Amino acid sequence: MKPIFPVQIISLNKTSTNLNAVFDTGSYYSIIRTDLLPPNTQIIGEKQTFRTANKKGGLKIVGRTILIIHIGKKMVTDEVLVSEELGSAMLIGA
């Protein structure tokens, strides 16, 4: 079971939201579900499909954004992929 931590995410326009994020040491990318983005977060980039560990399918990505992520007393700024299909609220590649 991968660890889950409460995080606060802040968009570059200073809107924020709190959610529980899965930390995945096997993933290079951080991904957030579209409906959990802070209000008015700008999504940029092209749509694409990522292959997943599940050999039957992929994960459709609608774009990317830059988020400030607060995890406890630590803060990181990261480019985060955005998907409508992600099974959890957010996956942080660690």
N, C-alpha and C. Protein backbone atom coordinates (compact mmCIF):
# COMPACT_ATOMS: atom_id res chain seq x y z
N MET A 1 0.84 -1.19 0.00
CA MET A 1 0.00 0.00 0.00
C MET A 1 0.88 1.24 0.00
N LYS A 2 0.60 2.16 -0.90
CA LYS A 2 1.38 3.39 -1.00
C LYS A 2 0.91 4.39 0.05
N PRO A 3 1.85 5.17 0.59
CA PRO A 3 1.47 6.14 1.64
C PRO A 3 0.59 7.26 1.10
N ILE A 4 -0.36 7.68 1.92
CA ILE A 4 -1.26 8.78 1.58
C ILE A 4 -1.08 9.87 2.63
N PHE A 5 -0.90 11.12 2.15
CA PHE A 5 -0.69 12.26 3.05
C PHE A 5 -1.63 13.39 2.70
N PRO A 6 -2.10 14.13 3.71
CA PRO A 6 -2.88 15.34 3.41
C PRO A 6 -1.93 16.43 2.88
N VAL A 7 -2.35 17.11 1.81
CA VAL A 7 -1.55 18.18 1.24
C VAL A 7 -2.44 19.38 0.94
N GLN A 8 -1.83 20.53 0.88
CA GLN A 8 -2.51 21.73 0.39
C GLN A 8 -1.86 22.07 -0.94
N ILE A 9 -2.68 22.30 -1.96
CA ILE A 9 -2.14 22.71 -3.25
C ILE A 9 -2.61 24.11 -3.57
N ILE A 10 -1.69 24.90 -4.13
CA ILE A 10 -1.96 26.30 -4.45
C ILE A 10 -1.61 26.53 -5.92
N SER A 11 -2.53 27.14 -6.64
CA SER A 11 -2.27 27.46 -8.05
C SER A 11 -1.44 28.74 -8.12
N LEU A 12 -0.94 29.04 -9.31
CA LEU A 12 -0.15 30.26 -9.48
C LEU A 12 -1.00 31.52 -9.34
N ASN A 13 -2.35 31.39 -9.43
CA ASN A 13 -3.21 32.55 -9.21
C ASN A 13 -3.68 32.63 -7.75
N LYS A 14 -3.01 31.86 -6.88
CA LYS A 14 -3.19 31.92 -5.42
C LYS A 14 -4.48 31.30 -4.88
N THR A 15 -5.20 30.52 -5.68
CA THR A 15 -6.33 29.77 -5.15
C THR A 15 -5.80 28.43 -4.63
N SER A 16 -6.48 27.84 -3.65
CA SER A 16 -5.94 26.62 -3.04
C SER A 16 -7.04 25.62 -2.71
N THR A 17 -6.61 24.41 -2.45
CA THR A 17 -7.50 23.35 -2.00
C THR A 17 -6.70 22.35 -1.19
N ASN A 18 -7.37 21.62 -0.33
CA ASN A 18 -6.74 20.57 0.47
C ASN A 18 -7.25 19.22 0.00
N LEU A 19 -6.36 18.24 -0.05
CA LEU A 19 -6.75 16.90 -0.48
C LEU A 19 -5.75 15.88 0.05
N ASN A 20 -6.07 14.60 -0.13
CA ASN A 20 -5.15 13.53 0.24
C ASN A 20 -4.45 13.03 -1.01
N ALA A 21 -3.12 12.99 -0.97
CA ALA A 21 -2.32 12.60 -2.13
C ALA A 21 -1.61 11.29 -1.86
N VAL A 22 -1.55 10.45 -2.89
CA VAL A 22 -0.81 9.20 -2.85
C VAL A 22 0.63 9.49 -3.27
N PHE A 23 1.60 9.05 -2.47
CA PHE A 23 3.01 9.20 -2.82
C PHE A 23 3.48 7.90 -3.45
N ASP A 24 3.97 8.02 -4.68
CA ASP A 24 4.35 6.84 -5.46
C ASP A 24 5.81 6.95 -5.88
N THR A 25 6.67 6.20 -5.22
CA THR A 25 8.10 6.24 -5.55
C THR A 25 8.40 5.61 -6.91
N GLY A 26 7.44 4.88 -7.46
CA GLY A 26 7.63 4.28 -8.77
C GLY A 26 7.19 5.18 -9.92
N SER A 27 6.68 6.36 -9.61
CA SER A 27 6.20 7.27 -10.65
C SER A 27 7.10 8.50 -10.73
N TYR A 28 7.41 8.87 -11.96
CA TYR A 28 8.18 10.09 -12.19
C TYR A 28 7.26 11.31 -12.18
N TYR A 29 6.02 11.12 -12.61
CA TYR A 29 5.09 12.22 -12.79
C TYR A 29 4.18 12.41 -11.59
N SER A 30 3.76 13.66 -11.38
CA SER A 30 2.69 13.98 -10.45
C SER A 30 1.45 14.26 -11.28
N ILE A 31 0.30 13.75 -10.81
CA ILE A 31 -0.95 13.87 -11.57
C ILE A 31 -2.06 14.24 -10.59
N ILE A 32 -2.95 15.13 -11.02
CA ILE A 32 -4.10 15.51 -10.20
C ILE A 32 -5.38 15.32 -11.01
N ARG A 33 -6.44 14.97 -10.32
CA ARG A 33 -7.73 14.82 -10.98
C ARG A 33 -8.30 16.21 -11.28
N THR A 34 -8.86 16.38 -12.44
CA THR A 34 -9.35 17.67 -12.92
C THR A 34 -10.31 18.34 -11.94
N ASP A 35 -11.25 17.59 -11.39
CA ASP A 35 -12.28 18.18 -10.53
C ASP A 35 -11.75 18.63 -9.17
N LEU A 36 -10.50 18.32 -8.86
CA LEU A 36 -9.93 18.71 -7.56
C LEU A 36 -8.90 19.83 -7.67
N LEU A 37 -8.73 20.39 -8.85
CA LEU A 37 -7.84 21.54 -9.00
C LEU A 37 -8.39 22.73 -8.23
N PRO A 38 -7.52 23.60 -7.72
CA PRO A 38 -8.01 24.84 -7.12
C PRO A 38 -8.81 25.64 -8.15
N PRO A 39 -9.79 26.43 -7.71
CA PRO A 39 -10.59 27.21 -8.66
C PRO A 39 -9.73 28.07 -9.59
N ASN A 40 -10.16 28.16 -10.84
CA ASN A 40 -9.52 29.01 -11.86
C ASN A 40 -8.07 28.64 -12.18
N THR A 41 -7.70 27.39 -11.96
CA THR A 41 -6.35 26.95 -12.31
C THR A 41 -6.25 26.81 -13.83
N GLN A 42 -5.21 27.40 -14.39
CA GLN A 42 -5.01 27.33 -15.83
C GLN A 42 -4.37 26.00 -16.22
N ILE A 43 -4.95 25.32 -17.19
CA ILE A 43 -4.41 24.07 -17.72
C ILE A 43 -3.85 24.37 -19.10
N ILE A 44 -2.61 23.97 -19.34
CA ILE A 44 -1.97 24.22 -20.63
C ILE A 44 -1.50 22.90 -21.24
N GLY A 45 -1.14 22.93 -22.49
CA GLY A 45 -0.57 21.76 -23.13
C GLY A 45 -1.56 20.94 -23.91
N GLU A 46 -1.05 19.88 -24.48
CA GLU A 46 -1.84 19.03 -25.36
C GLU A 46 -2.36 17.80 -24.64
N LYS A 47 -3.44 17.26 -25.17
CA LYS A 47 -3.98 16.02 -24.64
C LYS A 47 -3.08 14.87 -25.07
N GLN A 48 -2.94 13.87 -24.21
CA GLN A 48 -2.13 12.70 -24.50
C GLN A 48 -2.61 11.53 -23.68
N THR A 49 -2.15 10.34 -23.99
CA THR A 49 -2.49 9.16 -23.22
C THR A 49 -1.20 8.53 -22.71
N PHE A 50 -1.16 8.25 -21.41
CA PHE A 50 0.00 7.59 -20.78
C PHE A 50 -0.29 6.12 -20.60
N ARG A 51 0.70 5.31 -20.82
CA ARG A 51 0.58 3.90 -20.50
C ARG A 51 0.66 3.75 -18.98
N THR A 52 -0.07 2.78 -18.48
CA THR A 52 -0.07 2.54 -17.04
C THR A 52 0.45 1.15 -16.74
N ALA A 53 0.61 0.85 -15.47
CA ALA A 53 1.06 -0.48 -15.06
C ALA A 53 0.04 -1.54 -15.46
N ASN A 54 -1.21 -1.13 -15.55
CA ASN A 54 -2.27 -2.01 -16.03
C ASN A 54 -2.10 -2.13 -17.54
N LYS A 55 -1.72 -3.28 -18.02
CA LYS A 55 -1.39 -3.46 -19.43
C LYS A 55 -2.58 -3.27 -20.37
N LYS A 56 -3.79 -3.25 -19.84
CA LYS A 56 -4.97 -3.13 -20.68
C LYS A 56 -5.28 -1.69 -21.07
N GLY A 57 -4.76 -0.73 -20.34
CA GLY A 57 -5.22 0.62 -20.62
C GLY A 57 -4.18 1.69 -20.45
N GLY A 58 -4.67 2.89 -20.59
CA GLY A 58 -3.84 4.06 -20.41
C GLY A 58 -4.61 5.12 -19.64
N LEU A 59 -3.95 6.19 -19.33
CA LEU A 59 -4.55 7.29 -18.59
C LEU A 59 -4.56 8.52 -19.49
N LYS A 60 -5.73 9.06 -19.77
CA LYS A 60 -5.82 10.23 -20.63
C LYS A 60 -5.48 11.48 -19.84
N ILE A 61 -4.56 12.26 -20.36
CA ILE A 61 -4.11 13.51 -19.75
C ILE A 61 -4.69 14.65 -20.57
N VAL A 62 -5.31 15.63 -19.90
CA VAL A 62 -5.92 16.75 -20.60
C VAL A 62 -4.98 17.95 -20.70
N GLY A 63 -3.88 17.95 -19.96
CA GLY A 63 -2.92 19.04 -19.99
C GLY A 63 -2.05 19.01 -18.75
N ARG A 64 -1.47 20.14 -18.44
CA ARG A 64 -0.61 20.24 -17.26
C ARG A 64 -0.74 21.62 -16.64
N THR A 65 -0.28 21.74 -15.43
CA THR A 65 -0.31 23.02 -14.74
C THR A 65 0.85 23.06 -13.74
N ILE A 66 1.11 24.22 -13.20
CA ILE A 66 2.12 24.38 -12.16
C ILE A 66 1.40 24.57 -10.83
N LEU A 67 1.76 23.77 -9.83
CA LEU A 67 1.15 23.88 -8.51
C LEU A 67 2.22 23.98 -7.44
N ILE A 68 1.90 24.71 -6.39
CA ILE A 68 2.72 24.74 -5.18
C ILE A 68 2.08 23.72 -4.24
N ILE A 69 2.87 22.79 -3.75
CA ILE A 69 2.36 21.70 -2.92
C ILE A 69 2.96 21.80 -1.53
N HIS A 70 2.10 21.95 -0.52
CA HIS A 70 2.54 21.98 0.88
C HIS A 70 2.28 20.60 1.48
N ILE A 71 3.35 19.99 1.96
CA ILE A 71 3.27 18.68 2.59
C ILE A 71 3.85 18.84 3.99
N GLY A 72 2.99 18.93 4.98
CA GLY A 72 3.49 19.21 6.33
C GLY A 72 4.17 20.58 6.34
N LYS A 73 5.42 20.63 6.78
CA LYS A 73 6.17 21.89 6.83
C LYS A 73 7.01 22.12 5.58
N LYS A 74 6.92 21.23 4.62
CA LYS A 74 7.71 21.35 3.39
C LYS A 74 6.85 21.89 2.25
N MET A 75 7.52 22.55 1.30
CA MET A 75 6.84 23.10 0.15
C MET A 75 7.64 22.76 -1.10
N VAL A 76 6.93 22.40 -2.17
CA VAL A 76 7.58 22.13 -3.45
C VAL A 76 6.71 22.71 -4.56
N THR A 77 7.33 23.23 -5.60
CA THR A 77 6.62 23.67 -6.79
C THR A 77 6.87 22.63 -7.87
N ASP A 78 5.80 22.19 -8.55
CA ASP A 78 5.95 21.09 -9.49
C ASP A 78 5.02 21.28 -10.68
N GLU A 79 5.47 20.79 -11.85
CA GLU A 79 4.57 20.70 -12.99
C GLU A 79 3.75 19.43 -12.81
N VAL A 80 2.44 19.58 -12.83
CA VAL A 80 1.55 18.47 -12.52
C VAL A 80 0.66 18.20 -13.74
N LEU A 81 0.57 16.93 -14.12
CA LEU A 81 -0.32 16.53 -15.19
C LEU A 81 -1.76 16.51 -14.67
N VAL A 82 -2.73 16.74 -15.55
CA VAL A 82 -4.14 16.82 -15.16
C VAL A 82 -4.92 15.76 -15.93
N SER A 83 -5.72 14.97 -15.20
CA SER A 83 -6.51 13.90 -15.81
C SER A 83 -7.90 13.85 -15.19
N GLU A 84 -8.89 13.57 -16.04
CA GLU A 84 -10.25 13.38 -15.54
C GLU A 84 -10.45 11.96 -15.03
N GLU A 85 -9.51 11.06 -15.32
CA GLU A 85 -9.69 9.62 -15.06
C GLU A 85 -8.92 9.09 -13.86
N LEU A 86 -8.13 9.89 -13.20
CA LEU A 86 -7.29 9.40 -12.11
C LEU A 86 -8.16 8.81 -11.00
N GLY A 87 -7.80 7.63 -10.51
CA GLY A 87 -8.60 6.95 -9.50
C GLY A 87 -8.53 7.58 -8.13
N SER A 88 -7.42 8.25 -7.80
CA SER A 88 -7.30 8.94 -6.51
C SER A 88 -7.31 10.45 -6.76
N ALA A 89 -7.31 11.23 -5.69
CA ALA A 89 -7.37 12.69 -5.83
C ALA A 89 -6.11 13.23 -6.52
N MET A 90 -4.95 12.74 -6.05
CA MET A 90 -3.67 13.20 -6.59
C MET A 90 -2.62 12.14 -6.38
N LEU A 91 -1.74 12.00 -7.34
CA LEU A 91 -0.59 11.11 -7.22
C LEU A 91 0.65 11.98 -7.31
N ILE A 92 1.52 11.87 -6.32
CA ILE A 92 2.77 12.63 -6.34
C ILE A 92 3.90 11.66 -6.61
N GLY A 93 4.56 11.86 -7.74
CA GLY A 93 5.73 11.06 -8.09
C GLY A 93 6.87 11.46 -7.18
N ALA A 94 7.43 10.50 -6.51
CA ALA A 94 8.47 10.82 -5.52
C ALA A 94 9.76 10.09 -5.81
